[in-house]
Amino acid sequence: MTVQDSGKVALITGASRGIGYGIAQALVARGDRVVITGRGEDALKEAVERLGADRAVGVVGKAHDEAHQAAAVERAMEVFGRVDFLINNAGTNPVFGPMAELDLGVARKVYETNVISALGFAQRTWKAWQRENGGAIVNIASVAGVSASPFIGAYGMSKAAMVNLTLQLAHEFAPVVRVNAIAPAVVKTKFAEALYEGREAEAAAAYPLGRLGVPEDIGGAAEFLTSEKSGWITGQTLVIDGGIFLNAGVG
């Protein structure tokens, strides 16, 4: 089946695999063109080939690198002439342990990659296209950012900042650009493997819906939040958690 070209373009960070790639798939399937970023050249090239070289362009680099941020936005404008949607998905979680023992250098690295890079990309897409032409931004946060997150506190702290960054940008960029966030629970990706590997059935049993998330779950949400169907939604964080928060109820 031939997909009708939407005429829209999305820049998706950290999209060679996992959640970012799932979002890219969803947007390409509806007719968007995408610019995807990632650190690994081979993985990024494979992702572009799967998405379709006529629909996708890859830009290799690290999200926190300002030169890479500039290159990704410039590439989108050169190839497609616009950047309607920004999906800030790139993130890192290099440390597991109590906050009392957290290396402050590692904490800075987490913030630089997970939060500051998202602000940098937002500034650049705003100036390059969105300020004059509108669009939408979706920040990928986490349930770790809206609740206590034992042993991944630095990650949770950074994702809480992403939620607040969403609010700040939504207020400042209105009415021309809508800004929302998605806060997933555990999604089956390489990034999250340590949270379920070897014990998936046990991990899934804790979820009222009986399974862990998959990238397509987040892709569908991002598709909605970048569509006209969500045209009166901004500054919100959509929790996609398979019902896991229901377990915090009384009784």
Protein backbone atom coordinates (compact mmCIF):
# COMPACT_ATOMS: atom_id res chain seq x y z
CA MET A 1 0.00 0.00 0.00
CA THR A 2 1.38 3.42 -0.98
CA VAL A 3 1.55 5.93 1.86
CA GLN A 4 0.49 9.47 0.97
CA ASP A 5 3.22 12.00 1.73
CA SER A 6 2.14 14.22 4.61
CA GLY A 7 4.58 16.95 3.68
CA LYS A 8 5.78 16.99 7.31
CA VAL A 9 9.26 16.32 8.64
CA ALA A 10 10.35 15.06 12.06
CA LEU A 11 13.75 15.12 13.73
CA ILE A 12 14.05 12.19 16.15
CA THR A 13 17.08 11.84 18.40
CA GLY A 14 18.43 8.46 19.47
CA ALA A 15 16.41 6.68 16.81
CA SER A 16 18.61 3.94 15.41
CA ARG A 17 16.77 1.41 17.61
CA GLY A 18 14.35 1.06 20.50
CA ILE A 19 11.78 3.72 21.31
CA GLY A 20 13.24 6.26 18.91
CA TYR A 21 13.11 3.83 16.01
CA GLY A 22 9.56 2.82 16.96
CA ILE A 23 8.55 6.48 16.76
CA ALA A 24 10.30 6.88 13.42
CA GLN A 25 8.42 3.87 12.06
CA ALA A 26 5.08 5.30 13.18
CA LEU A 27 5.71 8.71 11.62
CA VAL A 28 7.04 7.30 8.34
CA ALA A 29 4.01 5.00 8.16
CA ARG A 30 1.68 7.99 8.23
CA GLY A 31 3.62 9.77 5.49
CA ASP A 32 6.20 11.91 7.32
CA ARG A 33 9.85 12.11 6.41
CA VAL A 34 12.35 11.78 9.22
CA VAL A 35 15.85 12.76 10.21
CA ILE A 36 17.14 10.33 12.82
CA THR A 37 20.24 10.58 14.98
CA GLY A 38 22.36 8.04 16.82
CA ARG A 39 25.88 7.38 18.02
CA GLY A 40 26.58 4.26 15.96
CA GLU A 41 27.13 4.77 12.25
CA ASP A 42 26.34 1.17 11.25
CA ALA A 43 23.17 0.95 13.34
CA LEU A 44 21.99 4.30 12.03
CA LYS A 45 22.63 3.28 8.43
CA GLU A 46 20.64 0.06 8.93
CA ALA A 47 17.76 2.01 10.48
CA VAL A 48 17.65 4.39 7.50
CA GLU A 49 17.59 1.44 5.10
CA ARG A 50 14.70 -0.19 6.98
CA LEU A 51 12.73 3.06 7.08
CA GLY A 52 13.49 3.76 3.41
CA ALA A 53 16.25 5.94 2.05
CA ASP A 54 13.63 8.11 0.34
CA ARG A 55 11.90 8.72 3.68
CA ALA A 56 14.77 8.91 6.18
CA VAL A 57 18.16 10.56 6.65
CA GLY A 58 20.63 9.69 9.41
CA VAL A 59 23.02 12.02 11.22
CA VAL A 60 25.68 10.38 13.40
CA GLY A 61 26.70 12.01 16.66
CA LYS A 62 26.25 12.34 20.40
CA ALA A 63 23.15 14.18 21.56
CA HIS A 64 24.99 16.40 24.03
CA ASP A 65 27.43 17.63 21.39
CA GLU A 66 26.30 21.09 20.28
CA ALA A 67 28.01 20.71 16.92
CA HIS A 68 25.99 17.53 16.35
CA GLN A 69 22.78 19.31 17.33
CA ALA A 70 23.51 22.02 14.79
CA ALA A 71 24.44 19.47 12.11
CA ALA A 72 21.24 17.47 12.58
CA VAL A 73 18.98 20.51 12.25
CA GLU A 74 20.98 21.86 9.33
CA ARG A 75 20.76 18.48 7.58
CA ALA A 76 16.99 18.42 7.99
CA MET A 77 16.70 21.88 6.49
CA GLU A 78 19.08 21.06 3.64
CA VAL A 79 17.40 17.81 2.64
CA PHE A 80 13.75 18.45 3.47
CA GLY A 81 13.52 22.22 3.97
CA ARG A 82 11.62 22.06 7.24
CA VAL A 83 11.44 20.54 10.75
CA ASP A 84 7.82 20.33 11.86
CA PHE A 85 8.31 17.93 14.74
CA LEU A 86 11.10 17.35 17.23
CA ILE A 87 11.19 14.14 19.26
CA ASN A 88 13.76 14.35 22.06
CA ASN A 89 14.38 10.67 22.73
CA ALA A 90 18.16 10.34 23.16
CA GLY A 91 19.11 9.44 26.71
CA THR A 92 21.56 7.62 28.93
CA ASN A 93 21.49 5.76 32.23
CA PRO A 94 25.10 4.73 33.00
CA VAL A 95 24.79 4.26 36.75
CA PHE A 96 22.87 1.91 39.06
CA GLY A 97 23.01 2.45 42.80
CA PRO A 98 21.95 4.62 45.75
CA MET A 99 21.89 8.40 45.49
CA ALA A 100 24.13 8.67 48.56
CA GLU A 101 26.96 7.09 46.56
CA LEU A 102 26.26 8.78 43.22
CA ASP A 103 29.35 10.10 41.46
CA LEU A 104 28.62 13.76 40.74
CA GLY A 105 30.53 13.63 37.47
CA VAL A 106 28.22 10.85 36.29
CA ALA A 107 25.21 12.87 37.42
CA ARG A 108 26.39 15.78 35.29
CA LYS A 109 26.82 13.49 32.30
CA VAL A 110 23.26 12.17 32.71
CA TYR A 111 21.88 15.70 32.85
CA GLU A 112 23.94 16.84 29.89
CA THR A 113 22.67 13.99 27.70
CA ASN A 114 19.10 13.68 28.95
CA VAL A 115 18.12 17.30 29.58
CA ILE A 116 20.51 19.90 28.23
CA SER A 117 20.67 18.19 24.84
CA ALA A 118 16.86 18.26 24.60
CA LEU A 119 16.87 21.99 25.30
CA GLY A 120 19.60 22.48 22.71
CA PHE A 121 17.68 20.65 20.00
CA ALA A 122 14.50 22.56 20.90
CA GLN A 123 16.27 25.91 20.63
CA ARG A 124 17.63 25.00 17.22
CA THR A 125 14.42 23.62 15.69
CA TRP A 126 12.54 26.64 17.07
CA LYS A 127 14.91 29.07 15.36
CA ALA A 128 15.31 27.09 12.14
CA TRP A 129 11.61 26.49 11.39
CA GLN A 130 9.07 26.21 14.17
CA ARG A 131 9.02 29.82 15.39
CA GLU A 132 7.69 31.02 12.03
CA ASN A 133 5.85 27.90 10.88
CA GLY A 134 4.60 26.02 13.94
CA GLY A 135 4.88 22.36 14.83
CA ALA A 136 5.18 20.15 17.87
CA ILE A 137 7.81 18.84 20.27
CA VAL A 138 7.59 15.56 22.17
CA ASN A 139 10.03 14.88 24.99
CA ILE A 140 10.52 11.28 26.05
CA ALA A 141 10.55 11.32 29.84
CA SER A 142 9.93 8.27 32.06
CA VAL A 143 7.80 7.07 34.93
CA ALA A 144 11.08 7.31 36.84
CA GLY A 145 10.66 11.07 36.54
CA VAL A 146 7.22 11.18 38.15
CA SER A 147 7.84 8.81 41.06
CA ALA A 148 10.66 7.58 43.24
CA SER A 149 13.04 5.42 41.21
CA PRO A 150 15.29 3.37 43.51
CA PHE A 151 18.81 2.69 42.20
CA ILE A 152 18.27 4.75 39.03
CA GLY A 153 17.90 8.05 40.86
CA ALA A 154 20.13 10.09 38.56
CA TYR A 155 18.09 8.95 35.57
CA GLY A 156 14.82 9.66 37.38
CA MET A 157 16.03 13.08 38.45
CA SER A 158 16.91 13.95 34.85
CA LYS A 159 13.55 12.74 33.57
CA ALA A 160 11.76 14.86 36.17
CA ALA A 161 13.69 17.78 34.70
CA MET A 162 12.44 16.73 31.25
CA VAL A 163 8.87 16.98 32.53
CA ASN A 164 9.51 20.50 33.76
CA LEU A 165 11.36 21.42 30.57
CA THR A 166 8.20 20.39 28.74
CA LEU A 167 6.15 22.81 30.83
CA GLN A 168 8.58 25.67 30.32
CA LEU A 169 8.78 25.21 26.56
CA ALA A 170 5.02 24.69 26.22
CA HIS A 171 4.43 28.03 27.92
CA GLU A 172 7.10 29.90 25.99
CA PHE A 173 6.47 28.41 22.54
CA ALA A 174 2.67 28.75 22.61
CA PRO A 175 0.61 29.27 20.59
CA VAL A 176 2.65 28.24 17.54
CA VAL A 177 4.35 25.09 18.89
CA ARG A 178 2.80 22.49 21.16
CA VAL A 179 5.14 20.74 23.59
CA ASN A 180 4.26 17.52 25.42
CA ALA A 181 6.06 14.61 27.04
CA ILE A 182 5.63 10.85 27.19
CA ALA A 183 6.59 8.99 30.36
CA PRO A 184 6.90 5.26 29.64
CA ALA A 185 7.35 2.48 32.16
CA VAL A 186 9.62 -0.43 31.15
CA VAL A 187 9.69 -0.86 27.37
CA LYS A 188 11.39 -3.87 25.80
CA THR A 189 14.50 -2.30 24.33
CA LYS A 190 18.22 -2.89 24.59
CA PHE A 191 18.41 0.25 26.74
CA ALA A 192 16.12 -1.28 29.37
CA GLU A 193 17.27 -4.91 29.18
CA ALA A 194 18.84 -4.86 32.63
CA LEU A 195 15.38 -4.28 34.12
CA TYR A 196 13.82 -7.45 32.71
CA GLU A 197 16.44 -9.70 31.09
CA GLY A 198 16.08 -13.29 32.28
CA ARG A 199 12.93 -12.44 34.25
CA GLU A 200 10.52 -10.95 31.74
CA ALA A 201 7.51 -13.01 32.86
CA GLU A 202 8.09 -11.99 36.46
CA ALA A 203 8.54 -8.33 35.52
CA ALA A 204 5.44 -8.34 33.30
CA ALA A 205 3.32 -9.92 36.04
CA ALA A 206 3.57 -6.69 38.03
CA TYR A 207 1.69 -4.82 35.27
CA PRO A 208 -2.12 -4.90 35.32
CA LEU A 209 -2.11 -5.23 31.52
CA GLY A 210 0.11 -8.28 31.82
CA ARG A 211 3.02 -7.29 29.62
CA LEU A 212 5.93 -4.90 29.27
CA GLY A 213 5.75 -2.08 26.79
CA VAL A 214 7.07 -2.30 23.23
CA PRO A 215 8.39 0.57 21.07
CA GLU A 216 5.19 0.58 19.02
CA ASP A 217 3.26 1.63 22.13
CA ILE A 218 5.32 4.79 22.37
CA GLY A 219 5.33 5.29 18.60
CA GLY A 220 1.55 5.43 18.57
CA ALA A 221 1.51 8.02 21.35
CA ALA A 222 4.10 10.18 19.61
CA GLU A 223 2.12 9.95 16.38
CA PHE A 224 -0.95 11.23 18.23
CA LEU A 225 0.90 14.06 19.98
CA THR A 226 2.29 15.30 16.66
CA SER A 227 -1.06 15.11 14.88
CA GLU A 228 -3.97 17.52 14.51
CA LYS A 229 -5.99 15.20 16.75
CA SER A 230 -3.99 16.55 19.70
CA GLY A 231 -4.27 20.15 18.55
CA TRP A 232 -5.56 21.42 21.91
CA ILE A 233 -3.03 19.58 24.06
CA THR A 234 0.17 21.19 25.30
CA GLY A 235 2.30 21.07 28.44
CA GLN A 236 1.12 17.58 29.34
CA THR A 237 2.99 14.41 30.28
CA LEU A 238 1.29 11.27 29.02
CA VAL A 239 2.11 8.31 31.29
CA ILE A 240 2.21 5.03 29.34
CA ASP A 241 2.78 2.38 31.98
CA GLY A 242 0.62 -0.68 31.35
CA GLY A 243 -1.26 0.26 34.50
CA ILE A 244 1.72 -0.16 36.85
CA PHE A 245 0.82 2.99 38.81
CA LEU A 246 -2.52 1.42 39.68
CA ASN A 247 -0.61 -0.84 42.06
CA ALA A 248 0.09 2.16 44.28
CA GLY A 249 -3.59 2.42 45.17
CA VAL A 250 -4.96 1.85 48.65
CA GLY A 251 -6.41 -1.57 49.47
